[in-house]
Amino acid sequence: MARAIFEQSMRRRIKDMDIAIAETRRKLGKTRDDHLKVDLTARLSGLQRRRQQMTQRLERLAESPDSLWANLKAQIELEWFGLVQDVEERVGRLL
């Protein structure tokens, strides 16, 4: 059961990340600072690629045997922590 709960929780977090990225893009559209637009657009594209990688890892997790599950879960949690930290430090402070 813990496996299903983890997968569901991560899918919800990824969806929340999508909403945050969309909201940031909306705010970015209102700024007149061209330098900020270019910088933030590049950062958001990188974050979206990493978010997509998280989705792919989560799909592999769902298909993985129980013997690999704990290892993959730990990798996903570590990568997610890094992604969230990057969003907060590199994107959040710019807006």
PDB file of N, CA and C in Angstrom:
ATOM      1  N   MET A   1       0.815  -1.203   0.000  1.00  0.00           N
ATOM      2  CA  MET A   1       0.000   0.000   0.000  1.00  0.00           C
ATOM      3  C   MET A   1       0.858   1.266   0.000  1.00  0.00           C
ATOM      4  N   ALA A   2       1.978   1.231   0.672  1.00  0.00           N
ATOM      5  CA  ALA A   2       2.837   2.411   0.734  1.00  0.00           C
ATOM      6  C   ALA A   2       3.298   2.823  -0.659  1.00  0.00           C
ATOM      7  N   ARG A   3       3.504   1.858  -1.510  1.00  0.00           N
ATOM      8  CA  ARG A   3       3.952   2.142  -2.869  1.00  0.00           C
ATOM      9  C   ARG A   3       2.896   2.949  -3.632  1.00  0.00           C
ATOM     10  N   ALA A   4       1.670   2.521  -3.567  1.00  0.00           N
ATOM     11  CA  ALA A   4       0.581   3.223  -4.254  1.00  0.00           C
ATOM     12  C   ALA A   4       0.395   4.631  -3.694  1.00  0.00           C
ATOM     13  N   ILE A   5       0.502   4.782  -2.409  1.00  0.00           N
ATOM     14  CA  ILE A   5       0.361   6.099  -1.775  1.00  0.00           C
ATOM     15  C   ILE A   5       1.485   7.022  -2.232  1.00  0.00           C
ATOM     16  N   PHE A   6       2.707   6.501  -2.283  1.00  0.00           N
ATOM     17  CA  PHE A   6       3.839   7.305  -2.730  1.00  0.00           C
ATOM     18  C   PHE A   6       3.633   7.760  -4.177  1.00  0.00           C
ATOM     19  N   GLU A   7       3.260   6.828  -5.041  1.00  0.00           N
ATOM     20  CA  GLU A   7       3.040   7.172  -6.445  1.00  0.00           C
ATOM     21  C   GLU A   7       1.956   8.233  -6.587  1.00  0.00           C
ATOM     22  N   GLN A   8       0.869   8.081  -5.861  1.00  0.00           N
ATOM     23  CA  GLN A   8      -0.226   9.052  -5.917  1.00  0.00           C
ATOM     24  C   GLN A   8       0.240  10.419  -5.414  1.00  0.00           C
ATOM     25  N   SER A   9       0.996  10.424  -4.346  1.00  0.00           N
ATOM     26  CA  SER A   9       1.510  11.667  -3.784  1.00  0.00           C
ATOM     27  C   SER A   9       2.438  12.372  -4.768  1.00  0.00           C
ATOM     28  N   MET A  10       3.322  11.618  -5.406  1.00  0.00           N
ATOM     29  CA  MET A  10       4.245  12.217  -6.366  1.00  0.00           C
ATOM     30  C   MET A  10       3.491  12.751  -7.583  1.00  0.00           C
ATOM     31  N   ARG A  11       2.490  12.041  -8.041  1.00  0.00           N
ATOM     32  CA  ARG A  11       1.706  12.530  -9.182  1.00  0.00           C
ATOM     33  C   ARG A  11       1.007  13.852  -8.831  1.00  0.00           C
ATOM     34  N   ARG A  12       0.523  13.955  -7.606  1.00  0.00           N
ATOM     35  CA  ARG A  12      -0.111  15.191  -7.156  1.00  0.00           C
ATOM     36  C   ARG A  12       0.921  16.320  -7.087  1.00  0.00           C
ATOM     37  N   ARG A  13       2.118  16.019  -6.590  1.00  0.00           N
ATOM     38  CA  ARG A  13       3.177  17.025  -6.517  1.00  0.00           C
ATOM     39  C   ARG A  13       3.576  17.508  -7.912  1.00  0.00           C
ATOM     40  N   ILE A  14       3.666  16.574  -8.852  1.00  0.00           N
ATOM     41  CA  ILE A  14       4.025  16.935 -10.223  1.00  0.00           C
ATOM     42  C   ILE A  14       2.947  17.833 -10.828  1.00  0.00           C
ATOM     43  N   LYS A  15       1.697  17.509 -10.563  1.00  0.00           N
ATOM     44  CA  LYS A  15       0.597  18.346 -11.058  1.00  0.00           C
ATOM     45  C   LYS A  15       0.684  19.748 -10.446  1.00  0.00           C
ATOM     46  N   ASP A  16       0.991  19.821  -9.159  1.00  0.00           N
ATOM     47  CA  ASP A  16       1.162  21.115  -8.500  1.00  0.00           C
ATOM     48  C   ASP A  16       2.319  21.893  -9.115  1.00  0.00           C
ATOM     49  N   MET A  17       3.389  21.182  -9.473  1.00  0.00           N
ATOM     50  CA  MET A  17       4.536  21.823 -10.116  1.00  0.00           C
ATOM     51  C   MET A  17       4.110  22.392 -11.467  1.00  0.00           C
ATOM     52  N   ASP A  18       3.310  21.652 -12.209  1.00  0.00           N
ATOM     53  CA  ASP A  18       2.809  22.151 -13.498  1.00  0.00           C
ATOM     54  C   ASP A  18       2.022  23.443 -13.314  1.00  0.00           C
ATOM     55  N   ILE A  19       1.201  23.483 -12.284  1.00  0.00           N
ATOM     56  CA  ILE A  19       0.403  24.680 -12.003  1.00  0.00           C
ATOM     57  C   ILE A  19       1.315  25.851 -11.653  1.00  0.00           C
ATOM     58  N   ALA A  20       2.338  25.591 -10.848  1.00  0.00           N
ATOM     59  CA  ALA A  20       3.273  26.652 -10.452  1.00  0.00           C
ATOM     60  C   ALA A  20       4.037  27.181 -11.663  1.00  0.00           C
ATOM     61  N   ILE A  21       4.453  26.292 -12.554  1.00  0.00           N
ATOM     62  CA  ILE A  21       5.169  26.725 -13.755  1.00  0.00           C
ATOM     63  C   ILE A  21       4.251  27.563 -14.644  1.00  0.00           C
ATOM     64  N   ALA A  22       3.020  27.120 -14.803  1.00  0.00           N
ATOM     65  CA  ALA A  22       2.056  27.878 -15.617  1.00  0.00           C
ATOM     66  C   ALA A  22       1.798  29.255 -15.016  1.00  0.00           C
ATOM     67  N   GLU A  23       1.678  29.320 -13.702  1.00  0.00           N
ATOM     68  CA  GLU A  23       1.449  30.600 -13.026  1.00  0.00           C
ATOM     69  C   GLU A  23       2.657  31.521 -13.207  1.00  0.00           C
ATOM     70  N   THR A  24       3.843  30.960 -13.131  1.00  0.00           N
ATOM     71  CA  THR A  24       5.054  31.757 -13.324  1.00  0.00           C
ATOM     72  C   THR A  24       5.112  32.291 -14.753  1.00  0.00           C
ATOM     73  N   ARG A  25       4.757  31.446 -15.719  1.00  0.00           N
ATOM     74  CA  ARG A  25       4.728  31.901 -17.117  1.00  0.00           C
ATOM     75  C   ARG A  25       3.698  33.021 -17.300  1.00  0.00           C
ATOM     76  N   ARG A  26       2.562  32.906 -16.610  1.00  0.00           N
ATOM     77  CA  ARG A  26       1.538  33.956 -16.699  1.00  0.00           C
ATOM     78  C   ARG A  26       2.080  35.274 -16.153  1.00  0.00           C
ATOM     79  N   LYS A  27       2.729  35.216 -15.006  1.00  0.00           N
ATOM     80  CA  LYS A  27       3.312  36.425 -14.410  1.00  0.00           C
ATOM     81  C   LYS A  27       4.408  36.983 -15.304  1.00  0.00           C
ATOM     82  N   LEU A  28       5.166  36.102 -15.893  1.00  0.00           N
ATOM     83  CA  LEU A  28       6.263  36.523 -16.756  1.00  0.00           C
ATOM     84  C   LEU A  28       5.746  37.285 -17.972  1.00  0.00           C
ATOM     85  N   GLY A  29       4.590  36.886 -18.456  1.00  0.00           N
ATOM     86  CA  GLY A  29       3.999  37.577 -19.596  1.00  0.00           C
ATOM     87  C   GLY A  29       3.640  39.018 -19.300  1.00  0.00           C
ATOM     88  N   LYS A  30       3.504  39.354 -18.037  1.00  0.00           N
ATOM     89  CA  LYS A  30       3.122  40.715 -17.649  1.00  0.00           C
ATOM     90  C   LYS A  30       4.321  41.629 -17.402  1.00  0.00           C
ATOM     91  N   THR A  31       5.519  41.064 -17.328  1.00  0.00           N
ATOM     92  CA  THR A  31       6.683  41.890 -17.035  1.00  0.00           C
ATOM     93  C   THR A  31       7.202  42.566 -18.302  1.00  0.00           C
ATOM     94  N   ARG A  32       7.810  43.694 -18.122  1.00  0.00           N
ATOM     95  CA  ARG A  32       8.379  44.427 -19.257  1.00  0.00           C
ATOM     96  C   ARG A  32       9.891  44.273 -19.308  1.00  0.00           C
ATOM     97  N   ASP A  33      10.428  43.556 -18.363  1.00  0.00           N
ATOM     98  CA  ASP A  33      11.877  43.348 -18.273  1.00  0.00           C
ATOM     99  C   ASP A  33      12.282  42.225 -19.231  1.00  0.00           C
ATOM    100  N   ASP A  34      12.832  42.605 -20.386  1.00  0.00           N
ATOM    101  CA  ASP A  34      13.201  41.612 -21.402  1.00  0.00           C
ATOM    102  C   ASP A  34      14.277  40.656 -20.904  1.00  0.00           C
ATOM    103  N   HIS A  35      15.227  41.157 -20.151  1.00  0.00           N
ATOM    104  CA  HIS A  35      16.283  40.300 -19.613  1.00  0.00           C
ATOM    105  C   HIS A  35      15.682  39.234 -18.694  1.00  0.00           C
ATOM    106  N   LEU A  36      14.760  39.638 -17.850  1.00  0.00           N
ATOM    107  CA  LEU A  36      14.088  38.699 -16.955  1.00  0.00           C
ATOM    108  C   LEU A  36      13.298  37.668 -17.750  1.00  0.00           C
ATOM    109  N   LYS A  37      12.616  38.106 -18.792  1.00  0.00           N
ATOM    110  CA  LYS A  37      11.840  37.181 -19.620  1.00  0.00           C
ATOM    111  C   LYS A  37      12.723  36.111 -20.245  1.00  0.00           C
ATOM    112  N   VAL A  38      13.839  36.523 -20.814  1.00  0.00           N
ATOM    113  CA  VAL A  38      14.746  35.576 -21.460  1.00  0.00           C
ATOM    114  C   VAL A  38      15.317  34.609 -20.432  1.00  0.00           C
ATOM    115  N   ASP A  39      15.789  35.148 -19.322  1.00  0.00           N
ATOM    116  CA  ASP A  39      16.392  34.321 -18.272  1.00  0.00           C
ATOM    117  C   ASP A  39      15.385  33.336 -17.702  1.00  0.00           C
ATOM    118  N   LEU A  40      14.237  33.836 -17.341  1.00  0.00           N
ATOM    119  CA  LEU A  40      13.232  32.992 -16.704  1.00  0.00           C
ATOM    120  C   LEU A  40      12.631  31.979 -17.671  1.00  0.00           C
ATOM    121  N   THR A  41      12.477  32.349 -18.923  1.00  0.00           N
ATOM    122  CA  THR A  41      11.968  31.406 -19.921  1.00  0.00           C
ATOM    123  C   THR A  41      12.918  30.219 -20.056  1.00  0.00           C
ATOM    124  N   ALA A  42      14.206  30.490 -20.081  1.00  0.00           N
ATOM    125  CA  ALA A  42      15.199  29.415 -20.169  1.00  0.00           C
ATOM    126  C   ALA A  42      15.156  28.537 -18.918  1.00  0.00           C
ATOM    127  N   ARG A  43      15.057  29.157 -17.774  1.00  0.00           N
ATOM    128  CA  ARG A  43      15.001  28.391 -16.518  1.00  0.00           C
ATOM    129  C   ARG A  43      13.746  27.522 -16.459  1.00  0.00           C
ATOM    130  N   LEU A  44      12.629  28.088 -16.867  1.00  0.00           N
ATOM    131  CA  LEU A  44      11.379  27.325 -16.845  1.00  0.00           C
ATOM    132  C   LEU A  44      11.427  26.144 -17.803  1.00  0.00           C
ATOM    133  N   SER A  45      12.057  26.327 -18.945  1.00  0.00           N
ATOM    134  CA  SER A  45      12.194  25.223 -19.894  1.00  0.00           C
ATOM    135  C   SER A  45      13.021  24.098 -19.289  1.00  0.00           C
ATOM    136  N   GLY A  46      14.091  24.450 -18.609  1.00  0.00           N
ATOM    137  CA  GLY A  46      14.912  23.455 -17.931  1.00  0.00           C
ATOM    138  C   GLY A  46      14.143  22.735 -16.837  1.00  0.00           C
ATOM    139  N   LEU A  47      13.355  23.475 -16.081  1.00  0.00           N
ATOM    140  CA  LEU A  47      12.555  22.870 -15.019  1.00  0.00           C
ATOM    141  C   LEU A  47      11.496  21.936 -15.600  1.00  0.00           C
ATOM    142  N   GLN A  48      10.913  22.337 -16.714  1.00  0.00           N
ATOM    143  CA  GLN A  48       9.907  21.472 -17.338  1.00  0.00           C
ATOM    144  C   GLN A  48      10.527  20.169 -17.837  1.00  0.00           C
ATOM    145  N   ARG A  49      11.747  20.235 -18.361  1.00  0.00           N
ATOM    146  CA  ARG A  49      12.426  19.006 -18.783  1.00  0.00           C
ATOM    147  C   ARG A  49      12.679  18.096 -17.584  1.00  0.00           C
ATOM    148  N   ARG A  50      13.148  18.683 -16.496  1.00  0.00           N
ATOM    149  CA  ARG A  50      13.395  17.889 -15.283  1.00  0.00           C
ATOM    150  C   ARG A  50      12.091  17.318 -14.731  1.00  0.00           C
ATOM    151  N   ARG A  51      11.024  18.090 -14.802  1.00  0.00           N
ATOM    152  CA  ARG A  51       9.734  17.606 -14.335  1.00  0.00           C
ATOM    153  C   ARG A  51       9.270  16.432 -15.191  1.00  0.00           C
ATOM    154  N   GLN A  52       9.506  16.508 -16.487  1.00  0.00           N
ATOM    155  CA  GLN A  52       9.160  15.412 -17.385  1.00  0.00           C
ATOM    156  C   GLN A  52       9.981  14.167 -17.050  1.00  0.00           C
ATOM    157  N   GLN A  53      11.229  14.351 -16.738  1.00  0.00           N
ATOM    158  CA  GLN A  53      12.062  13.219 -16.331  1.00  0.00           C
ATOM    159  C   GLN A  53      11.518  12.571 -15.062  1.00  0.00           C
ATOM    160  N   MET A  54      11.018  13.403 -14.154  1.00  0.00           N
ATOM    161  CA  MET A  54      10.420  12.866 -12.920  1.00  0.00           C
ATOM    162  C   MET A  54       9.202  11.999 -13.257  1.00  0.00           C
ATOM    163  N   THR A  55       8.401  12.449 -14.198  1.00  0.00           N
ATOM    164  CA  THR A  55       7.227  11.680 -14.616  1.00  0.00           C
ATOM    165  C   THR A  55       7.657  10.338 -15.201  1.00  0.00           C
ATOM    166  N   GLN A  56       8.695  10.356 -16.017  1.00  0.00           N
ATOM    167  CA  GLN A  56       9.192   9.112 -16.600  1.00  0.00           C
ATOM    168  C   GLN A  56       9.726   8.170 -15.523  1.00  0.00           C
ATOM    169  N   ARG A  57      10.439   8.708 -14.561  1.00  0.00           N
ATOM    170  CA  ARG A  57      10.956   7.871 -13.460  1.00  0.00           C
ATOM    171  C   ARG A  57       9.799   7.283 -12.652  1.00  0.00           C
ATOM    172  N   LEU A  58       8.786   8.071 -12.455  1.00  0.00           N
ATOM    173  CA  LEU A  58       7.624   7.593 -11.711  1.00  0.00           C
ATOM    174  C   LEU A  58       6.930   6.458 -12.467  1.00  0.00           C
ATOM    175  N   GLU A  59       6.876   6.562 -13.773  1.00  0.00           N
ATOM    176  CA  GLU A  59       6.296   5.488 -14.580  1.00  0.00           C
ATOM    177  C   GLU A  59       7.136   4.219 -14.472  1.00  0.00           C
ATOM    178  N   ARG A  60       8.462   4.382 -14.484  1.00  0.00           N
ATOM    179  CA  ARG A  60       9.336   3.210 -14.309  1.00  0.00           C
ATOM    180  C   ARG A  60       9.158   2.611 -12.927  1.00  0.00           C
ATOM    181  N   LEU A  61       8.950   3.477 -11.945  1.00  0.00           N
ATOM    182  CA  LEU A  61       8.736   2.996 -10.582  1.00  0.00           C
ATOM    183  C   LEU A  61       7.498   2.116 -10.528  1.00  0.00           C
ATOM    184  N   ALA A  62       6.448   2.526 -11.200  1.00  0.00           N
ATOM    185  CA  ALA A  62       5.203   1.762 -11.195  1.00  0.00           C
ATOM    186  C   ALA A  62       5.396   0.384 -11.819  1.00  0.00           C
ATOM    187  N   GLU A  63       6.320   0.285 -12.766  1.00  0.00           N
ATOM    188  CA  GLU A  63       6.557  -0.975 -13.470  1.00  0.00           C
ATOM    189  C   GLU A  63       7.661  -1.815 -12.847  1.00  0.00           C
ATOM    190  N   SER A  64       8.354  -1.278 -11.868  1.00  0.00           N
ATOM    191  CA  SER A  64       9.516  -1.967 -11.315  1.00  0.00           C
ATOM    192  C   SER A  64       9.119  -3.059 -10.323  1.00  0.00           C
ATOM    193  N   PRO A  65       9.954  -4.075 -10.225  1.00  0.00           N
ATOM    194  CA  PRO A  65       9.690  -5.118  -9.239  1.00  0.00           C
ATOM    195  C   PRO A  65       9.899  -4.582  -7.825  1.00  0.00           C
ATOM    196  N   ASP A  66       9.288  -5.245  -6.880  1.00  0.00           N
ATOM    197  CA  ASP A  66       9.385  -4.814  -5.479  1.00  0.00           C
ATOM    198  C   ASP A  66      10.829  -4.732  -4.992  1.00  0.00           C
ATOM    199  N   SER A  67      11.692  -5.572  -5.534  1.00  0.00           N
ATOM    200  CA  SER A  67      13.088  -5.582  -5.088  1.00  0.00           C
ATOM    201  C   SER A  67      13.823  -4.278  -5.434  1.00  0.00           C
ATOM    202  N   LEU A  68      13.364  -3.561  -6.435  1.00  0.00           N
ATOM    203  CA  LEU A  68      13.999  -2.298  -6.839  1.00  0.00           C
ATOM    204  C   LEU A  68      13.257  -1.073  -6.339  1.00  0.00           C
ATOM    205  N   TRP A  69      12.073  -1.263  -5.823  1.00  0.00           N
ATOM    206  CA  TRP A  69      11.202  -0.151  -5.477  1.00  0.00           C
ATOM    207  C   TRP A  69      11.834   0.815  -4.482  1.00  0.00           C
ATOM    208  N   ALA A  70      12.403   0.331  -3.414  1.00  0.00           N
ATOM    209  CA  ALA A  70      12.968   1.212  -2.378  1.00  0.00           C
ATOM    210  C   ALA A  70      14.087   2.077  -2.949  1.00  0.00           C
ATOM    211  N   ASN A  71      14.922   1.485  -3.785  1.00  0.00           N
ATOM    212  CA  ASN A  71      16.019   2.227  -4.403  1.00  0.00           C
ATOM    213  C   ASN A  71      15.503   3.322  -5.328  1.00  0.00           C
ATOM    214  N   LEU A  72      14.564   2.973  -6.183  1.00  0.00           N
ATOM    215  CA  LEU A  72      13.995   3.955  -7.112  1.00  0.00           C
ATOM    216  C   LEU A  72      13.252   5.057  -6.364  1.00  0.00           C
ATOM    217  N   LYS A  73      12.548   4.696  -5.320  1.00  0.00           N
ATOM    218  CA  LYS A  73      11.821   5.685  -4.508  1.00  0.00           C
ATOM    219  C   LYS A  73      12.802   6.698  -3.921  1.00  0.00           C
ATOM    220  N   ALA A  74      13.905   6.212  -3.395  1.00  0.00           N
ATOM    221  CA  ALA A  74      14.908   7.104  -2.803  1.00  0.00           C
ATOM    222  C   ALA A  74      15.485   8.049  -3.853  1.00  0.00           C
ATOM    223  N   GLN A  75      15.739   7.542  -5.063  1.00  0.00           N
ATOM    224  CA  GLN A  75      16.256   8.383  -6.139  1.00  0.00           C
ATOM    225  C   GLN A  75      15.239   9.457  -6.533  1.00  0.00           C
ATOM    226  N   ILE A  76      13.988   9.066  -6.642  1.00  0.00           N
ATOM    227  CA  ILE A  76      12.936  10.016  -7.006  1.00  0.00           C
ATOM    228  C   ILE A  76      12.799  11.095  -5.946  1.00  0.00           C
ATOM    229  N   GLU A  77      12.819  10.705  -4.687  1.00  0.00           N
ATOM    230  CA  GLU A  77      12.695  11.693  -3.609  1.00  0.00           C
ATOM    231  C   GLU A  77      13.860  12.680  -3.632  1.00  0.00           C
ATOM    232  N   LEU A  78      15.063  12.191  -3.862  1.00  0.00           N
ATOM    233  CA  LEU A  78      16.235  13.062  -3.910  1.00  0.00           C
ATOM    234  C   LEU A  78      16.153  14.020  -5.095  1.00  0.00           C
ATOM    235  N   GLU A  79      15.780  13.519  -6.252  1.00  0.00           N
ATOM    236  CA  GLU A  79      15.637  14.367  -7.434  1.00  0.00           C
ATOM    237  C   GLU A  79      14.515  15.384  -7.254  1.00  0.00           C
ATOM    238  N   TRP A  80      13.434  14.971  -6.639  1.00  0.00           N
ATOM    239  CA  TRP A  80      12.317  15.890  -6.408  1.00  0.00           C
ATOM    240  C   TRP A  80      12.748  17.020  -5.483  1.00  0.00           C
ATOM    241  N   PHE A  81      13.477  16.683  -4.430  1.00  0.00           N
ATOM    242  CA  PHE A  81      13.965  17.702  -3.500  1.00  0.00           C
ATOM    243  C   PHE A  81      14.822  18.721  -4.254  1.00  0.00           C
ATOM    244  N   GLY A  82      15.711  18.242  -5.122  1.00  0.00           N
ATOM    245  CA  GLY A  82      16.553  19.145  -5.903  1.00  0.00           C
ATOM    246  C   GLY A  82      15.755  20.018  -6.842  1.00  0.00           C
ATOM    247  N   LEU A  83      14.747  19.445  -7.465  1.00  0.00           N
ATOM    248  CA  LEU A  83      13.895  20.206  -8.385  1.00  0.00           C
ATOM    249  C   LEU A  83      13.133  21.299  -7.641  1.00  0.00           C
ATOM    250  N   VAL A  84      12.543  20.965  -6.528  1.00  0.00           N
ATOM    251  CA  VAL A  84      11.793  21.953  -5.745  1.00  0.00           C
ATOM    252  C   VAL A  84      12.727  23.055  -5.250  1.00  0.00           C
ATOM    253  N   GLN A  85      13.897  22.667  -4.815  1.00  0.00           N
ATOM    254  CA  GLN A  85      14.856  23.659  -4.337  1.00  0.00           C
ATOM    255  C   GLN A  85      15.255  24.607  -5.471  1.00  0.00           C
ATOM    256  N   ASP A  86      15.476  24.073  -6.667  1.00  0.00           N
ATOM    257  CA  ASP A  86      15.810  24.918  -7.812  1.00  0.00           C
ATOM    258  C   ASP A  86      14.670  25.879  -8.150  1.00  0.00           C
ATOM    259  N   VAL A  87      13.453  25.396  -8.096  1.00  0.00           N
ATOM    260  CA  VAL A  87      12.305  26.266  -8.366  1.00  0.00           C
ATOM    261  C   VAL A  87      12.284  27.418  -7.376  1.00  0.00           C
ATOM    262  N   GLU A  88      12.447  27.097  -6.116  1.00  0.00           N
ATOM    263  CA  GLU A  88      12.390  28.135  -5.081  1.00  0.00           C
ATOM    264  C   GLU A  88      13.551  29.118  -5.196  1.00  0.00           C
ATOM    265  N   GLU A  89      14.753  28.604  -5.425  1.00  0.00           N
ATOM    266  CA  GLU A  89      15.930  29.468  -5.434  1.00  0.00           C
ATOM    267  C   GLU A  89      16.133  30.214  -6.752  1.00  0.00           C
ATOM    268  N   ARG A  90      15.896  29.532  -7.858  1.00  0.00           N
ATOM    269  CA  ARG A  90      16.246  30.114  -9.148  1.00  0.00           C
ATOM    270  C   ARG A  90      15.081  30.809  -9.841  1.00  0.00           C
ATOM    271  N   VAL A  91      13.878  30.414  -9.527  1.00  0.00           N
ATOM    272  CA  VAL A  91      12.721  31.016 -10.192  1.00  0.00           C
ATOM    273  C   VAL A  91      11.949  31.898  -9.234  1.00  0.00           C
ATOM    274  N   GLY A  92      11.615  31.368  -8.069  1.00  0.00           N
ATOM    275  CA  GLY A  92      10.783  32.083  -7.114  1.00  0.00           C
ATOM    276  C   GLY A  92      11.313  33.442  -6.712  1.00  0.00           C
ATOM    277  N   ARG A  93      12.602  33.541  -6.567  1.00  0.00           N
ATOM    278  CA  ARG A  93      13.172  34.816  -6.130  1.00  0.00           C
ATOM    279  C   ARG A  93      13.213  35.869  -7.233  1.00  0.00           C
ATOM    280  N   LEU A  94      12.988  35.451  -8.467  1.00  0.00           N
ATOM    281  CA  LEU A  94      12.999  36.407  -9.568  1.00  0.00           C
ATOM    282  C   LEU A  94      11.684  37.115  -9.762  1.00  0.00           C
ATOM    283  N   LEU A  95      10.631  36.557  -9.186  1.00  0.00           N
ATOM    284  CA  LEU A  95       9.308  37.182  -9.366  1.00  0.00           C
ATOM    285  C   LEU A  95       8.816  37.815  -8.088  1.00  0.00           C
TER     286      LEU A  95
END
